[in-house]
Amino acid sequence: MGPESQQPKRRDGVLSSLTMAVEALNLAKEVSAITPAKAVFGSVGTLLTMIRVCFFRLCDDELLAHTAYPGLNGQRFSLR
């Protein structure tokens, strides 16, 4: 089995793990009676949702690495 066939399985595993973690945090937020804990569960759930969406978009577009530019501060063509 080559690395190409293992990549979709790994991606699906990561996405399902993130989905389960978000659902568990949402449940913990609903069940918790402590207001600060609700805020923490909500914030972490939102963060994991954003990570899941970004990870899905990167895998879907097959952009698995960021492009590095030679310039400083995002300048593409010259060093400053």
N, C-alpha and C. Protein backbone atom coordinates (compact mmCIF):
# COMPACT_ATOMS: atom_id res chain seq x y z
N MET A 1 0.83 -1.17 0.00
CA MET A 1 0.00 0.00 0.00
C MET A 1 0.88 1.24 0.00
N GLY A 2 0.69 2.11 -0.96
CA GLY A 2 1.52 3.29 -1.08
C GLY A 2 1.03 4.42 -0.21
N PRO A 3 1.83 5.47 -0.09
CA PRO A 3 1.44 6.61 0.74
C PRO A 3 0.20 7.33 0.20
N GLU A 4 -0.06 7.25 -1.12
CA GLU A 4 -1.21 7.93 -1.68
C GLU A 4 -2.51 7.31 -1.17
N SER A 5 -2.54 5.99 -0.96
CA SER A 5 -3.76 5.35 -0.49
C SER A 5 -3.99 5.55 1.01
N GLN A 6 -2.93 5.83 1.76
CA GLN A 6 -3.06 6.04 3.19
C GLN A 6 -3.49 7.46 3.53
N GLN A 7 -3.22 8.41 2.65
CA GLN A 7 -3.52 9.81 2.93
C GLN A 7 -5.01 10.08 3.11
N PRO A 8 -5.92 9.57 2.25
CA PRO A 8 -7.35 9.82 2.50
C PRO A 8 -7.83 9.22 3.81
N LYS A 9 -7.34 8.05 4.18
CA LYS A 9 -7.74 7.44 5.44
C LYS A 9 -7.29 8.30 6.61
N ARG A 10 -6.07 8.81 6.55
CA ARG A 10 -5.55 9.67 7.62
C ARG A 10 -6.35 10.95 7.70
N ARG A 11 -6.67 11.55 6.56
CA ARG A 11 -7.45 12.79 6.54
C ARG A 11 -8.84 12.56 7.13
N ASP A 12 -9.49 11.47 6.73
CA ASP A 12 -10.82 11.17 7.26
C ASP A 12 -10.77 10.92 8.76
N GLY A 13 -9.71 10.27 9.22
CA GLY A 13 -9.56 10.03 10.66
C GLY A 13 -9.39 11.32 11.44
N VAL A 14 -8.61 12.23 10.90
CA VAL A 14 -8.39 13.51 11.57
C VAL A 14 -9.69 14.32 11.61
N LEU A 15 -10.39 14.36 10.48
CA LEU A 15 -11.63 15.12 10.43
C LEU A 15 -12.69 14.54 11.37
N SER A 16 -12.79 13.21 11.43
CA SER A 16 -13.78 12.63 12.33
C SER A 16 -13.40 12.84 13.79
N SER A 17 -12.10 12.82 14.10
CA SER A 17 -11.66 13.10 15.47
C SER A 17 -11.97 14.53 15.88
N LEU A 18 -11.73 15.47 14.98
CA LEU A 18 -12.05 16.87 15.27
C LEU A 18 -13.56 17.06 15.45
N THR A 19 -14.35 16.39 14.63
CA THR A 19 -15.80 16.50 14.74
C THR A 19 -16.29 15.95 16.08
N MET A 20 -15.75 14.81 16.49
CA MET A 20 -16.15 14.23 17.77
C MET A 20 -15.73 15.12 18.94
N ALA A 21 -14.55 15.74 18.84
CA ALA A 21 -14.09 16.63 19.91
C ALA A 21 -14.98 17.86 20.02
N VAL A 22 -15.40 18.42 18.88
CA VAL A 22 -16.28 19.59 18.89
C VAL A 22 -17.63 19.22 19.50
N GLU A 23 -18.17 18.06 19.12
CA GLU A 23 -19.44 17.62 19.68
C GLU A 23 -19.35 17.39 21.19
N ALA A 24 -18.24 16.81 21.64
CA ALA A 24 -18.05 16.58 23.08
C ALA A 24 -17.97 17.91 23.83
N LEU A 25 -17.28 18.89 23.27
CA LEU A 25 -17.19 20.20 23.91
C LEU A 25 -18.54 20.91 23.94
N ASN A 26 -19.32 20.76 22.88
CA ASN A 26 -20.66 21.37 22.88
C ASN A 26 -21.54 20.73 23.94
N LEU A 27 -21.44 19.42 24.10
CA LEU A 27 -22.21 18.73 25.14
C LEU A 27 -21.76 19.18 26.53
N ALA A 28 -20.45 19.28 26.72
CA ALA A 28 -19.92 19.72 28.02
C ALA A 28 -20.37 21.15 28.32
N LYS A 29 -20.44 21.98 27.30
CA LYS A 29 -20.90 23.37 27.48
C LYS A 29 -22.35 23.40 27.93
N GLU A 30 -23.19 22.54 27.34
CA GLU A 30 -24.60 22.50 27.71
C GLU A 30 -24.80 21.96 29.12
N VAL A 31 -24.02 20.97 29.51
CA VAL A 31 -24.20 20.30 30.80
C VAL A 31 -23.60 21.11 31.95
N SER A 32 -22.56 21.88 31.67
CA SER A 32 -21.85 22.60 32.72
C SER A 32 -22.74 23.67 33.36
N ALA A 33 -22.61 23.77 34.67
CA ALA A 33 -23.37 24.78 35.42
C ALA A 33 -22.50 25.98 35.78
N ILE A 34 -21.21 25.90 35.51
CA ILE A 34 -20.28 26.97 35.86
C ILE A 34 -20.09 27.88 34.65
N THR A 35 -20.38 29.14 34.81
CA THR A 35 -20.34 30.09 33.69
C THR A 35 -18.96 30.20 33.04
N PRO A 36 -17.85 30.33 33.80
CA PRO A 36 -16.55 30.40 33.13
C PRO A 36 -16.22 29.13 32.34
N ALA A 37 -16.66 27.98 32.83
CA ALA A 37 -16.40 26.73 32.11
C ALA A 37 -17.16 26.72 30.79
N LYS A 38 -18.38 27.25 30.79
CA LYS A 38 -19.16 27.32 29.55
C LYS A 38 -18.44 28.17 28.51
N ALA A 39 -17.86 29.28 28.97
CA ALA A 39 -17.13 30.16 28.05
C ALA A 39 -15.91 29.45 27.47
N VAL A 40 -15.20 28.70 28.31
CA VAL A 40 -14.01 27.97 27.85
C VAL A 40 -14.40 26.89 26.86
N PHE A 41 -15.44 26.10 27.18
CA PHE A 41 -15.88 25.04 26.28
C PHE A 41 -16.32 25.62 24.94
N GLY A 42 -17.02 26.75 24.97
CA GLY A 42 -17.47 27.38 23.73
C GLY A 42 -16.31 27.89 22.90
N SER A 43 -15.33 28.51 23.55
CA SER A 43 -14.17 29.04 22.83
C SER A 43 -13.33 27.94 22.20
N VAL A 44 -13.09 26.89 22.96
CA VAL A 44 -12.28 25.78 22.44
C VAL A 44 -13.04 25.07 21.32
N GLY A 45 -14.35 24.92 21.46
CA GLY A 45 -15.14 24.31 20.39
C GLY A 45 -15.09 25.11 19.11
N THR A 46 -15.17 26.43 19.24
CA THR A 46 -15.07 27.30 18.07
C THR A 46 -13.70 27.20 17.42
N LEU A 47 -12.65 27.17 18.23
CA LEU A 47 -11.29 27.05 17.71
C LEU A 47 -11.11 25.73 16.96
N LEU A 48 -11.59 24.63 17.53
CA LEU A 48 -11.47 23.34 16.86
C LEU A 48 -12.29 23.30 15.57
N THR A 49 -13.43 23.97 15.55
CA THR A 49 -14.22 24.04 14.33
C THR A 49 -13.46 24.78 13.24
N MET A 50 -12.80 25.88 13.59
CA MET A 50 -12.01 26.62 12.61
C MET A 50 -10.85 25.78 12.11
N ILE A 51 -10.20 25.04 12.99
CA ILE A 51 -9.10 24.15 12.58
C ILE A 51 -9.63 23.09 11.63
N ARG A 52 -10.79 22.51 11.94
CA ARG A 52 -11.37 21.48 11.09
C ARG A 52 -11.67 22.03 9.70
N VAL A 53 -12.24 23.22 9.62
CA VAL A 53 -12.58 23.81 8.33
C VAL A 53 -11.32 24.11 7.53
N CYS A 54 -10.31 24.68 8.17
CA CYS A 54 -9.06 24.98 7.47
C CYS A 54 -8.37 23.71 7.00
N PHE A 55 -8.36 22.69 7.84
CA PHE A 55 -7.73 21.42 7.48
C PHE A 55 -8.45 20.80 6.30
N PHE A 56 -9.78 20.84 6.31
CA PHE A 56 -10.57 20.28 5.21
C PHE A 56 -10.29 21.03 3.92
N ARG A 57 -10.22 22.36 4.00
CA ARG A 57 -9.95 23.15 2.79
C ARG A 57 -8.56 22.87 2.25
N LEU A 58 -7.57 22.73 3.13
CA LEU A 58 -6.21 22.45 2.67
C LEU A 58 -6.14 21.08 2.01
N CYS A 59 -6.79 20.10 2.59
CA CYS A 59 -6.77 18.76 2.01
C CYS A 59 -7.60 18.70 0.74
N ASP A 60 -8.70 19.42 0.70
CA ASP A 60 -9.57 19.41 -0.47
C ASP A 60 -8.89 20.06 -1.66
N ASP A 61 -8.20 21.16 -1.43
CA ASP A 61 -7.50 21.86 -2.51
C ASP A 61 -6.13 21.28 -2.78
N GLU A 62 -5.71 20.34 -1.97
CA GLU A 62 -4.40 19.72 -2.06
C GLU A 62 -3.28 20.75 -1.94
N LEU A 63 -3.51 21.76 -1.12
CA LEU A 63 -2.48 22.73 -0.80
C LEU A 63 -1.91 22.35 0.56
N LEU A 64 -1.01 21.42 0.57
CA LEU A 64 -0.53 20.87 1.83
C LEU A 64 0.65 21.64 2.41
N ALA A 65 1.18 22.60 1.69
CA ALA A 65 2.29 23.39 2.21
C ALA A 65 2.08 24.84 1.82
N HIS A 66 2.55 25.74 2.67
CA HIS A 66 2.47 27.16 2.35
C HIS A 66 3.60 27.51 1.39
N THR A 67 3.34 28.45 0.51
CA THR A 67 4.36 28.90 -0.42
C THR A 67 5.26 29.90 0.28
N ALA A 68 6.53 29.70 0.20
CA ALA A 68 7.49 30.62 0.81
C ALA A 68 8.00 31.57 -0.26
N TYR A 69 7.98 32.84 0.05
CA TYR A 69 8.48 33.84 -0.86
C TYR A 69 9.85 34.30 -0.38
N PRO A 70 10.75 34.63 -1.32
CA PRO A 70 12.10 35.01 -0.92
C PRO A 70 12.18 36.38 -0.25
N GLY A 71 11.20 37.22 -0.43
CA GLY A 71 11.26 38.56 0.12
C GLY A 71 10.92 38.62 1.59
N LEU A 72 11.14 39.77 2.17
CA LEU A 72 10.84 40.00 3.57
C LEU A 72 9.46 40.62 3.69
N ASN A 73 8.71 40.27 4.70
CA ASN A 73 7.36 40.80 4.94
C ASN A 73 6.41 40.54 3.77
N GLY A 74 6.51 39.37 3.17
CA GLY A 74 5.60 39.00 2.12
C GLY A 74 5.91 39.60 0.74
N GLN A 75 7.02 40.31 0.63
CA GLN A 75 7.40 40.87 -0.66
C GLN A 75 7.88 39.72 -1.55
N ARG A 76 7.32 39.62 -2.74
CA ARG A 76 7.62 38.49 -3.58
C ARG A 76 8.91 38.62 -4.35
N PHE A 77 9.24 39.79 -4.82
CA PHE A 77 10.29 39.88 -5.81
C PHE A 77 11.59 40.49 -5.33
N SER A 78 11.61 41.12 -4.19
CA SER A 78 12.87 41.74 -3.77
C SER A 78 12.99 41.70 -2.26
N LEU A 79 14.21 41.69 -1.79
CA LEU A 79 14.48 41.77 -0.36
C LEU A 79 14.54 43.23 0.04
N ARG A 80 13.99 43.53 1.21
CA ARG A 80 14.01 44.92 1.67
C ARG A 80 14.59 44.98 3.03
